[in-house]
Amino acid sequence: MPSHRLRKQAISLQHEYPIDIFDEDGTPPGHYVADFLIEGQLIVELKACNTIAPEHIAQVLGYLRGSRLQHGMLINFGAPKIQVKKLIL
């Protein structure tokens, strides 16, 4: 499991970590459960589909905006070759 390897290297990692989401005016409409939150700064979203779709990118960007974090990574294991998309606000 990749989380075990990261923890062995003393990297802070939370699996299925709940993140409160906030609107532009600061009201909390709900929360999101991140696949991974690494070092409290990087949201990692995992997919298993044919290819990364625009709605997957929009999903991660929405999580970044709502959580007030700046860095995200989208990883798709369902394609013939692993796809990685880095996202920064």
PDB file of N, CA and C in Angstrom:
ATOM      1  N   MET A   1       0.845  -1.180   0.000  1.00  0.00           N
ATOM      2  CA  MET A   1       0.000   0.000   0.000  1.00  0.00           C
ATOM      3  C   MET A   1       0.895   1.250   0.000  1.00  0.00           C
ATOM      4  N   PRO A   2       0.635   2.223  -0.886  1.00  0.00           N
ATOM      5  CA  PRO A   2       1.486   3.406  -0.982  1.00  0.00           C
ATOM      6  C   PRO A   2       1.497   4.227   0.304  1.00  0.00           C
ATOM      7  N   SER A   3       0.406   4.245   1.055  1.00  0.00           N
ATOM      8  CA  SER A   3       0.375   5.038   2.277  1.00  0.00           C
ATOM      9  C   SER A   3       1.394   4.524   3.286  1.00  0.00           C
ATOM     10  N   HIS A   4       1.609   3.227   3.327  1.00  0.00           N
ATOM     11  CA  HIS A   4       2.601   2.646   4.235  1.00  0.00           C
ATOM     12  C   HIS A   4       4.004   3.142   3.883  1.00  0.00           C
ATOM     13  N   ARG A   5       4.314   3.195   2.598  1.00  0.00           N
ATOM     14  CA  ARG A   5       5.641   3.656   2.173  1.00  0.00           C
ATOM     15  C   ARG A   5       5.851   5.129   2.506  1.00  0.00           C
ATOM     16  N   LEU A   6       4.810   5.934   2.349  1.00  0.00           N
ATOM     17  CA  LEU A   6       4.936   7.350   2.688  1.00  0.00           C
ATOM     18  C   LEU A   6       5.136   7.530   4.189  1.00  0.00           C
ATOM     19  N   ARG A   7       4.388   6.781   4.986  1.00  0.00           N
ATOM     20  CA  ARG A   7       4.539   6.886   6.441  1.00  0.00           C
ATOM     21  C   ARG A   7       5.918   6.422   6.892  1.00  0.00           C
ATOM     22  N   LYS A   8       6.485   5.416   6.226  1.00  0.00           N
ATOM     23  CA  LYS A   8       7.834   4.959   6.565  1.00  0.00           C
ATOM     24  C   LYS A   8       8.859   6.068   6.351  1.00  0.00           C
ATOM     25  N   GLN A   9       8.554   6.992   5.442  1.00  0.00           N
ATOM     26  CA  GLN A   9       9.463   8.112   5.162  1.00  0.00           C
ATOM     27  C   GLN A   9       9.100   9.341   6.001  1.00  0.00           C
ATOM     28  N   ALA A  10       8.271   9.152   7.023  1.00  0.00           N
ATOM     29  CA  ALA A  10       7.850  10.214   7.945  1.00  0.00           C
ATOM     30  C   ALA A  10       7.072  11.324   7.239  1.00  0.00           C
ATOM     31  N   ILE A  11       6.298  10.964   6.229  1.00  0.00           N
ATOM     32  CA  ILE A  11       5.429  11.920   5.543  1.00  0.00           C
ATOM     33  C   ILE A  11       4.043  11.805   6.154  1.00  0.00           C
ATOM     34  N   SER A  12       3.496  12.943   6.589  1.00  0.00           N
ATOM     35  CA  SER A  12       2.168  12.972   7.191  1.00  0.00           C
ATOM     36  C   SER A  12       1.117  12.686   6.122  1.00  0.00           C
ATOM     37  N   LEU A  13       0.274  11.700   6.398  1.00  0.00           N
ATOM     38  CA  LEU A  13      -0.724  11.276   5.412  1.00  0.00           C
ATOM     39  C   LEU A  13      -2.002  10.878   6.131  1.00  0.00           C
ATOM     40  N   GLN A  14      -3.120  11.438   5.674  1.00  0.00           N
ATOM     41  CA  GLN A  14      -4.421  11.026   6.184  1.00  0.00           C
ATOM     42  C   GLN A  14      -5.223  10.431   5.042  1.00  0.00           C
ATOM     43  N   HIS A  15      -5.785   9.255   5.275  1.00  0.00           N
ATOM     44  CA  HIS A  15      -6.604   8.547   4.291  1.00  0.00           C
ATOM     45  C   HIS A  15      -8.065   8.817   4.604  1.00  0.00           C
ATOM     46  N   GLU A  16      -8.868   9.130   3.569  1.00  0.00           N
ATOM     47  CA  GLU A  16     -10.283   9.469   3.716  1.00  0.00           C
ATOM     48  C   GLU A  16     -10.463  10.561   4.769  1.00  0.00           C
ATOM     49  N   TYR A  17      -9.770  11.648   4.556  1.00  0.00           N
ATOM     50  CA  TYR A  17      -9.744  12.758   5.505  1.00  0.00           C
ATOM     51  C   TYR A  17     -10.878  13.739   5.210  1.00  0.00           C
ATOM     52  N   PRO A  18     -11.757  14.009   6.192  1.00  0.00           N
ATOM     53  CA  PRO A  18     -12.846  14.975   5.951  1.00  0.00           C
ATOM     54  C   PRO A  18     -12.313  16.405   5.941  1.00  0.00           C
ATOM     55  N   ILE A  19     -12.679  17.139   4.909  1.00  0.00           N
ATOM     56  CA  ILE A  19     -12.269  18.545   4.767  1.00  0.00           C
ATOM     57  C   ILE A  19     -13.541  19.381   4.719  1.00  0.00           C
ATOM     58  N   ASP A  20     -13.646  20.372   5.598  1.00  0.00           N
ATOM     59  CA  ASP A  20     -14.784  21.278   5.558  1.00  0.00           C
ATOM     60  C   ASP A  20     -14.661  22.175   4.334  1.00  0.00           C
ATOM     61  N   ILE A  21     -15.772  22.356   3.643  1.00  0.00           N
ATOM     62  CA  ILE A  21     -15.820  23.184   2.444  1.00  0.00           C
ATOM     63  C   ILE A  21     -16.522  24.490   2.798  1.00  0.00           C
ATOM     64  N   PHE A  22     -16.014  25.611   2.270  1.00  0.00           N
ATOM     65  CA  PHE A  22     -16.594  26.912   2.562  1.00  0.00           C
ATOM     66  C   PHE A  22     -16.968  27.626   1.264  1.00  0.00           C
ATOM     67  N   ASP A  23     -18.119  28.326   1.272  1.00  0.00           N
ATOM     68  CA  ASP A  23     -18.495  29.192   0.162  1.00  0.00           C
ATOM     69  C   ASP A  23     -17.612  30.433   0.178  1.00  0.00           C
ATOM     70  N   GLU A  24     -17.745  31.271  -0.866  1.00  0.00           N
ATOM     71  CA  GLU A  24     -16.971  32.502  -0.946  1.00  0.00           C
ATOM     72  C   GLU A  24     -17.222  33.412   0.248  1.00  0.00           C
ATOM     73  N   ASP A  25     -18.448  33.388   0.784  1.00  0.00           N
ATOM     74  CA  ASP A  25     -18.776  34.263   1.922  1.00  0.00           C
ATOM     75  C   ASP A  25     -18.410  33.642   3.275  1.00  0.00           C
ATOM     76  N   GLY A  26     -17.806  32.436   3.257  1.00  0.00           N
ATOM     77  CA  GLY A  26     -17.345  31.814   4.490  1.00  0.00           C
ATOM     78  C   GLY A  26     -18.307  30.840   5.134  1.00  0.00           C
ATOM     79  N   THR A  27     -19.513  30.684   4.565  1.00  0.00           N
ATOM     80  CA  THR A  27     -20.468  29.742   5.159  1.00  0.00           C
ATOM     81  C   THR A  27     -20.077  28.316   4.781  1.00  0.00           C
ATOM     82  N   PRO A  28     -20.187  27.386   5.730  1.00  0.00           N
ATOM     83  CA  PRO A  28     -19.805  25.995   5.451  1.00  0.00           C
ATOM     84  C   PRO A  28     -20.999  25.166   4.950  1.00  0.00           C
ATOM     85  N   PRO A  29     -21.124  24.931   3.626  1.00  0.00           N
ATOM     86  CA  PRO A  29     -22.245  24.146   3.116  1.00  0.00           C
ATOM     87  C   PRO A  29     -22.097  22.635   3.333  1.00  0.00           C
ATOM     88  N   GLY A  30     -20.910  22.165   3.676  1.00  0.00           N
ATOM     89  CA  GLY A  30     -20.730  20.727   3.873  1.00  0.00           C
ATOM     90  C   GLY A  30     -19.267  20.370   3.967  1.00  0.00           C
ATOM     91  N   HIS A  31     -18.982  19.084   3.711  1.00  0.00           N
ATOM     92  CA  HIS A  31     -17.594  18.658   3.730  1.00  0.00           C
ATOM     93  C   HIS A  31     -17.352  17.614   2.643  1.00  0.00           C
ATOM     94  N   TYR A  32     -16.102  17.420   2.371  1.00  0.00           N
ATOM     95  CA  TYR A  32     -15.636  16.488   1.351  1.00  0.00           C
ATOM     96  C   TYR A  32     -14.700  15.509   2.041  1.00  0.00           C
ATOM     97  N   VAL A  33     -14.693  14.282   1.609  1.00  0.00           N
ATOM     98  CA  VAL A  33     -13.763  13.300   2.158  1.00  0.00           C
ATOM     99  C   VAL A  33     -12.681  13.054   1.111  1.00  0.00           C
ATOM    100  N   ALA A  34     -11.487  13.584   1.385  1.00  0.00           N
ATOM    101  CA  ALA A  34     -10.363  13.451   0.466  1.00  0.00           C
ATOM    102  C   ALA A  34      -9.865  12.021   0.458  1.00  0.00           C
ATOM    103  N   ASP A  35      -9.519  11.500  -0.721  1.00  0.00           N
ATOM    104  CA  ASP A  35      -8.891  10.180  -0.771  1.00  0.00           C
ATOM    105  C   ASP A  35      -7.632  10.206   0.079  1.00  0.00           C
ATOM    106  N   PHE A  36      -6.817  11.235  -0.120  1.00  0.00           N
ATOM    107  CA  PHE A  36      -5.623  11.432   0.699  1.00  0.00           C
ATOM    108  C   PHE A  36      -5.409  12.922   0.916  1.00  0.00           C
ATOM    109  N   LEU A  37      -4.950  13.270   2.095  1.00  0.00           N
ATOM    110  CA  LEU A  37      -4.445  14.607   2.381  1.00  0.00           C
ATOM    111  C   LEU A  37      -3.015  14.409   2.867  1.00  0.00           C
ATOM    112  N   ILE A  38      -2.079  14.954   2.133  1.00  0.00           N
ATOM    113  CA  ILE A  38      -0.665  14.739   2.428  1.00  0.00           C
ATOM    114  C   ILE A  38      -0.062  16.031   2.970  1.00  0.00           C
ATOM    115  N   GLU A  39       0.582  15.905   4.124  1.00  0.00           N
ATOM    116  CA  GLU A  39       1.246  17.024   4.800  1.00  0.00           C
ATOM    117  C   GLU A  39       0.289  18.198   5.027  1.00  0.00           C
ATOM    118  N   GLY A  40      -1.009  17.943   5.088  1.00  0.00           N
ATOM    119  CA  GLY A  40      -1.984  18.996   5.329  1.00  0.00           C
ATOM    120  C   GLY A  40      -2.084  20.013   4.213  1.00  0.00           C
ATOM    121  N   GLN A  41      -1.478  19.729   3.040  1.00  0.00           N
ATOM    122  CA  GLN A  41      -1.402  20.721   1.970  1.00  0.00           C
ATOM    123  C   GLN A  41      -1.791  20.201   0.600  1.00  0.00           C
ATOM    124  N   LEU A  42      -1.734  18.907   0.381  1.00  0.00           N
ATOM    125  CA  LEU A  42      -1.958  18.340  -0.953  1.00  0.00           C
ATOM    126  C   LEU A  42      -3.139  17.388  -0.930  1.00  0.00           C
ATOM    127  N   ILE A  43      -4.169  17.701  -1.715  1.00  0.00           N
ATOM    128  CA  ILE A  43      -5.305  16.798  -1.883  1.00  0.00           C
ATOM    129  C   ILE A  43      -4.988  15.866  -3.039  1.00  0.00           C
ATOM    130  N   VAL A  44      -5.137  14.565  -2.802  1.00  0.00           N
ATOM    131  CA  VAL A  44      -4.929  13.575  -3.854  1.00  0.00           C
ATOM    132  C   VAL A  44      -6.250  12.846  -4.078  1.00  0.00           C
ATOM    133  N   GLU A  45      -6.722  12.896  -5.303  1.00  0.00           N
ATOM    134  CA  GLU A  45      -7.962  12.227  -5.698  1.00  0.00           C
ATOM    135  C   GLU A  45      -7.604  11.083  -6.631  1.00  0.00           C
ATOM    136  N   LEU A  46      -8.092   9.892  -6.316  1.00  0.00           N
ATOM    137  CA  LEU A  46      -7.813   8.708  -7.125  1.00  0.00           C
ATOM    138  C   LEU A  46      -9.018   8.351  -7.982  1.00  0.00           C
ATOM    139  N   LYS A  47      -8.761   7.934  -9.206  1.00  0.00           N
ATOM    140  CA  LYS A  47      -9.809   7.503 -10.139  1.00  0.00           C
ATOM    141  C   LYS A  47      -9.394   6.183 -10.767  1.00  0.00           C
ATOM    142  N   ALA A  48     -10.388   5.456 -11.259  1.00  0.00           N
ATOM    143  CA  ALA A  48     -10.149   4.218 -12.007  1.00  0.00           C
ATOM    144  C   ALA A  48     -11.111   4.215 -13.188  1.00  0.00           C
ATOM    145  N   CYS A  49     -10.766   4.979 -14.220  1.00  0.00           N
ATOM    146  CA  CYS A  49     -11.616   5.110 -15.404  1.00  0.00           C
ATOM    147  C   CYS A  49     -10.739   5.097 -16.663  1.00  0.00           C
ATOM    148  N   ASN A  50     -11.372   5.120 -17.824  1.00  0.00           N
ATOM    149  CA  ASN A  50     -10.628   5.039 -19.082  1.00  0.00           C
ATOM    150  C   ASN A  50      -9.647   6.187 -19.271  1.00  0.00           C
ATOM    151  N   THR A  51     -10.066   7.386 -18.881  1.00  0.00           N
ATOM    152  CA  THR A  51      -9.215   8.555 -19.019  1.00  0.00           C
ATOM    153  C   THR A  51      -9.678   9.635 -18.050  1.00  0.00           C
ATOM    154  N   ILE A  52      -8.809  10.584 -17.762  1.00  0.00           N
ATOM    155  CA  ILE A  52      -9.197  11.717 -16.931  1.00  0.00           C
ATOM    156  C   ILE A  52     -10.131  12.599 -17.745  1.00  0.00           C
ATOM    157  N   ALA A  53     -11.292  12.889 -17.187  1.00  0.00           N
ATOM    158  CA  ALA A  53     -12.295  13.708 -17.867  1.00  0.00           C
ATOM    159  C   ALA A  53     -12.298  15.120 -17.283  1.00  0.00           C
ATOM    160  N   PRO A  54     -12.815  16.093 -18.041  1.00  0.00           N
ATOM    161  CA  PRO A  54     -12.878  17.471 -17.530  1.00  0.00           C
ATOM    162  C   PRO A  54     -13.624  17.581 -16.196  1.00  0.00           C
ATOM    163  N   GLU A  55     -14.634  16.750 -15.995  1.00  0.00           N
ATOM    164  CA  GLU A  55     -15.376  16.819 -14.721  1.00  0.00           C
ATOM    165  C   GLU A  55     -14.533  16.347 -13.532  1.00  0.00           C
ATOM    166  N   HIS A  56     -13.562  15.471 -13.775  1.00  0.00           N
ATOM    167  CA  HIS A  56     -12.656  15.060 -12.694  1.00  0.00           C
ATOM    168  C   HIS A  56     -11.763  16.226 -12.280  1.00  0.00           C
ATOM    169  N   ILE A  57     -11.279  16.962 -13.272  1.00  0.00           N
ATOM    170  CA  ILE A  57     -10.447  18.135 -12.997  1.00  0.00           C
ATOM    171  C   ILE A  57     -11.266  19.190 -12.265  1.00  0.00           C
ATOM    172  N   ALA A  58     -12.504  19.417 -12.742  1.00  0.00           N
ATOM    173  CA  ALA A  58     -13.382  20.390 -12.088  1.00  0.00           C
ATOM    174  C   ALA A  58     -13.672  19.983 -10.645  1.00  0.00           C
ATOM    175  N   GLN A  59     -13.816  18.690 -10.400  1.00  0.00           N
ATOM    176  CA  GLN A  59     -14.064  18.192  -9.053  1.00  0.00           C
ATOM    177  C   GLN A  59     -12.915  18.568  -8.115  1.00  0.00           C
ATOM    178  N   VAL A  60     -11.688  18.287  -8.526  1.00  0.00           N
ATOM    179  CA  VAL A  60     -10.526  18.582  -7.677  1.00  0.00           C
ATOM    180  C   VAL A  60     -10.356  20.094  -7.506  1.00  0.00           C
ATOM    181  N   LEU A  61     -10.546  20.861  -8.563  1.00  0.00           N
ATOM    182  CA  LEU A  61     -10.449  22.317  -8.442  1.00  0.00           C
ATOM    183  C   LEU A  61     -11.505  22.862  -7.487  1.00  0.00           C
ATOM    184  N   GLY A  62     -12.693  22.299  -7.522  1.00  0.00           N
ATOM    185  CA  GLY A  62     -13.743  22.695  -6.580  1.00  0.00           C
ATOM    186  C   GLY A  62     -13.354  22.382  -5.147  1.00  0.00           C
ATOM    187  N   TYR A  63     -12.755  21.221  -4.943  1.00  0.00           N
ATOM    188  CA  TYR A  63     -12.289  20.860  -3.602  1.00  0.00           C
ATOM    189  C   TYR A  63     -11.204  21.818  -3.122  1.00  0.00           C
ATOM    190  N   LEU A  64     -10.311  22.204  -4.019  1.00  0.00           N
ATOM    191  CA  LEU A  64      -9.243  23.132  -3.645  1.00  0.00           C
ATOM    192  C   LEU A  64      -9.815  24.500  -3.274  1.00  0.00           C
ATOM    193  N   ARG A  65     -10.719  25.000  -4.107  1.00  0.00           N
ATOM    194  CA  ARG A  65     -11.318  26.309  -3.814  1.00  0.00           C
ATOM    195  C   ARG A  65     -12.095  26.268  -2.500  1.00  0.00           C
ATOM    196  N   GLY A  66     -12.888  25.229  -2.327  1.00  0.00           N
ATOM    197  CA  GLY A  66     -13.724  25.132  -1.133  1.00  0.00           C
ATOM    198  C   GLY A  66     -12.938  24.915   0.137  1.00  0.00           C
ATOM    199  N   SER A  67     -11.842  24.181   0.053  1.00  0.00           N
ATOM    200  CA  SER A  67     -11.057  23.868   1.245  1.00  0.00           C
ATOM    201  C   SER A  67      -9.985  24.913   1.529  1.00  0.00           C
ATOM    202  N   ARG A  68      -9.795  25.832   0.584  1.00  0.00           N
ATOM    203  CA  ARG A  68      -8.774  26.883   0.685  1.00  0.00           C
ATOM    204  C   ARG A  68      -7.353  26.314   0.642  1.00  0.00           C
ATOM    205  N   LEU A  69      -7.209  25.161   0.038  1.00  0.00           N
ATOM    206  CA  LEU A  69      -5.881  24.601  -0.216  1.00  0.00           C
ATOM    207  C   LEU A  69      -5.477  24.975  -1.633  1.00  0.00           C
ATOM    208  N   GLN A  70      -4.190  24.885  -1.951  1.00  0.00           N
ATOM    209  CA  GLN A  70      -3.718  25.335  -3.259  1.00  0.00           C
ATOM    210  C   GLN A  70      -3.243  24.220  -4.178  1.00  0.00           C
ATOM    211  N   HIS A  71      -2.932  23.046  -3.635  1.00  0.00           N
ATOM    212  CA  HIS A  71      -2.318  22.002  -4.446  1.00  0.00           C
ATOM    213  C   HIS A  71      -3.155  20.729  -4.449  1.00  0.00           C
ATOM    214  N   GLY A  72      -3.341  20.194  -5.666  1.00  0.00           N
ATOM    215  CA  GLY A  72      -4.080  18.952  -5.820  1.00  0.00           C
ATOM    216  C   GLY A  72      -3.422  18.059  -6.848  1.00  0.00           C
ATOM    217  N   MET A  73      -3.720  16.782  -6.756  1.00  0.00           N
ATOM    218  CA  MET A  73      -3.202  15.819  -7.718  1.00  0.00           C
ATOM    219  C   MET A  73      -4.313  14.820  -8.019  1.00  0.00           C
ATOM    220  N   LEU A  74      -4.506  14.571  -9.292  1.00  0.00           N
ATOM    221  CA  LEU A  74      -5.501  13.623  -9.766  1.00  0.00           C
ATOM    222  C   LEU A  74      -4.749  12.456 -10.394  1.00  0.00           C
ATOM    223  N   ILE A  75      -4.984  11.251  -9.880  1.00  0.00           N
ATOM    224  CA  ILE A  75      -4.283  10.068 -10.387  1.00  0.00           C
ATOM    225  C   ILE A  75      -5.324   9.069 -10.871  1.00  0.00           C
ATOM    226  N   ASN A  76      -5.167   8.639 -12.129  1.00  0.00           N
ATOM    227  CA  ASN A  76      -6.091   7.674 -12.722  1.00  0.00           C
ATOM    228  C   ASN A  76      -5.354   6.367 -12.988  1.00  0.00           C
ATOM    229  N   PHE A  77      -5.841   5.311 -12.330  1.00  0.00           N
ATOM    230  CA  PHE A  77      -5.241   3.987 -12.480  1.00  0.00           C
ATOM    231  C   PHE A  77      -5.980   3.119 -13.500  1.00  0.00           C
ATOM    232  N   GLY A  78      -7.081   3.623 -14.078  1.00  0.00           N
ATOM    233  CA  GLY A  78      -7.905   2.814 -14.971  1.00  0.00           C
ATOM    234  C   GLY A  78      -7.479   2.833 -16.424  1.00  0.00           C
ATOM    235  N   ALA A  79      -6.624   3.747 -16.816  1.00  0.00           N
ATOM    236  CA  ALA A  79      -6.160   3.846 -18.203  1.00  0.00           C
ATOM    237  C   ALA A  79      -5.061   2.815 -18.449  1.00  0.00           C
ATOM    238  N   PRO A  80      -4.766   2.519 -19.709  1.00  0.00           N
ATOM    239  CA  PRO A  80      -3.672   1.577 -19.993  1.00  0.00           C
ATOM    240  C   PRO A  80      -2.342   2.013 -19.367  1.00  0.00           C
ATOM    241  N   LYS A  81      -2.141   3.327 -19.244  1.00  0.00           N
ATOM    242  CA  LYS A  81      -0.952   3.882 -18.596  1.00  0.00           C
ATOM    243  C   LYS A  81      -1.440   4.832 -17.496  1.00  0.00           C
ATOM    244  N   ILE A  82      -0.826   4.778 -16.319  1.00  0.00           N
ATOM    245  CA  ILE A  82      -1.250   5.637 -15.210  1.00  0.00           C
ATOM    246  C   ILE A  82      -1.176   7.099 -15.639  1.00  0.00           C
ATOM    247  N   GLN A  83      -2.256   7.838 -15.357  1.00  0.00           N
ATOM    248  CA  GLN A  83      -2.320   9.265 -15.682  1.00  0.00           C
ATOM    249  C   GLN A  83      -2.232  10.077 -14.402  1.00  0.00           C
ATOM    250  N   VAL A  84      -1.401  11.121 -14.422  1.00  0.00           N
ATOM    251  CA  VAL A  84      -1.234  12.010 -13.269  1.00  0.00           C
ATOM    252  C   VAL A  84      -1.430  13.437 -13.745  1.00  0.00           C
ATOM    253  N   LYS A  85      -2.296  14.162 -13.055  1.00  0.00           N
ATOM    254  CA  LYS A  85      -2.551  15.571 -13.379  1.00  0.00           C
ATOM    255  C   LYS A  85      -2.321  16.387 -12.121  1.00  0.00           C
ATOM    256  N   LYS A  86      -1.387  17.338 -12.177  1.00  0.00           N
ATOM    257  CA  LYS A  86      -1.115  18.225 -11.055  1.00  0.00           C
ATOM    258  C   LYS A  86      -1.961  19.478 -11.231  1.00  0.00           C
ATOM    259  N   LEU A  87      -2.570  19.935 -10.137  1.00  0.00           N
ATOM    260  CA  LEU A  87      -3.436  21.108 -10.189  1.00  0.00           C
ATOM    261  C   LEU A  87      -3.014  22.082  -9.099  1.00  0.00           C
ATOM    262  N   ILE A  88      -2.894  23.361  -9.472  1.00  0.00           N
ATOM    263  CA  ILE A  88      -2.496  24.406  -8.539  1.00  0.00           C
ATOM    264  C   ILE A  88      -3.426  25.598  -8.732  1.00  0.00           C
ATOM    265  N   LEU A  89      -3.933  26.120  -7.616  1.00  0.00           N
ATOM    266  CA  LEU A  89      -4.741  27.343  -7.678  1.00  0.00           C
ATOM    267  C   LEU A  89      -3.864  28.551  -7.519  1.00  0.00           C
TER     268      LEU A  89
END
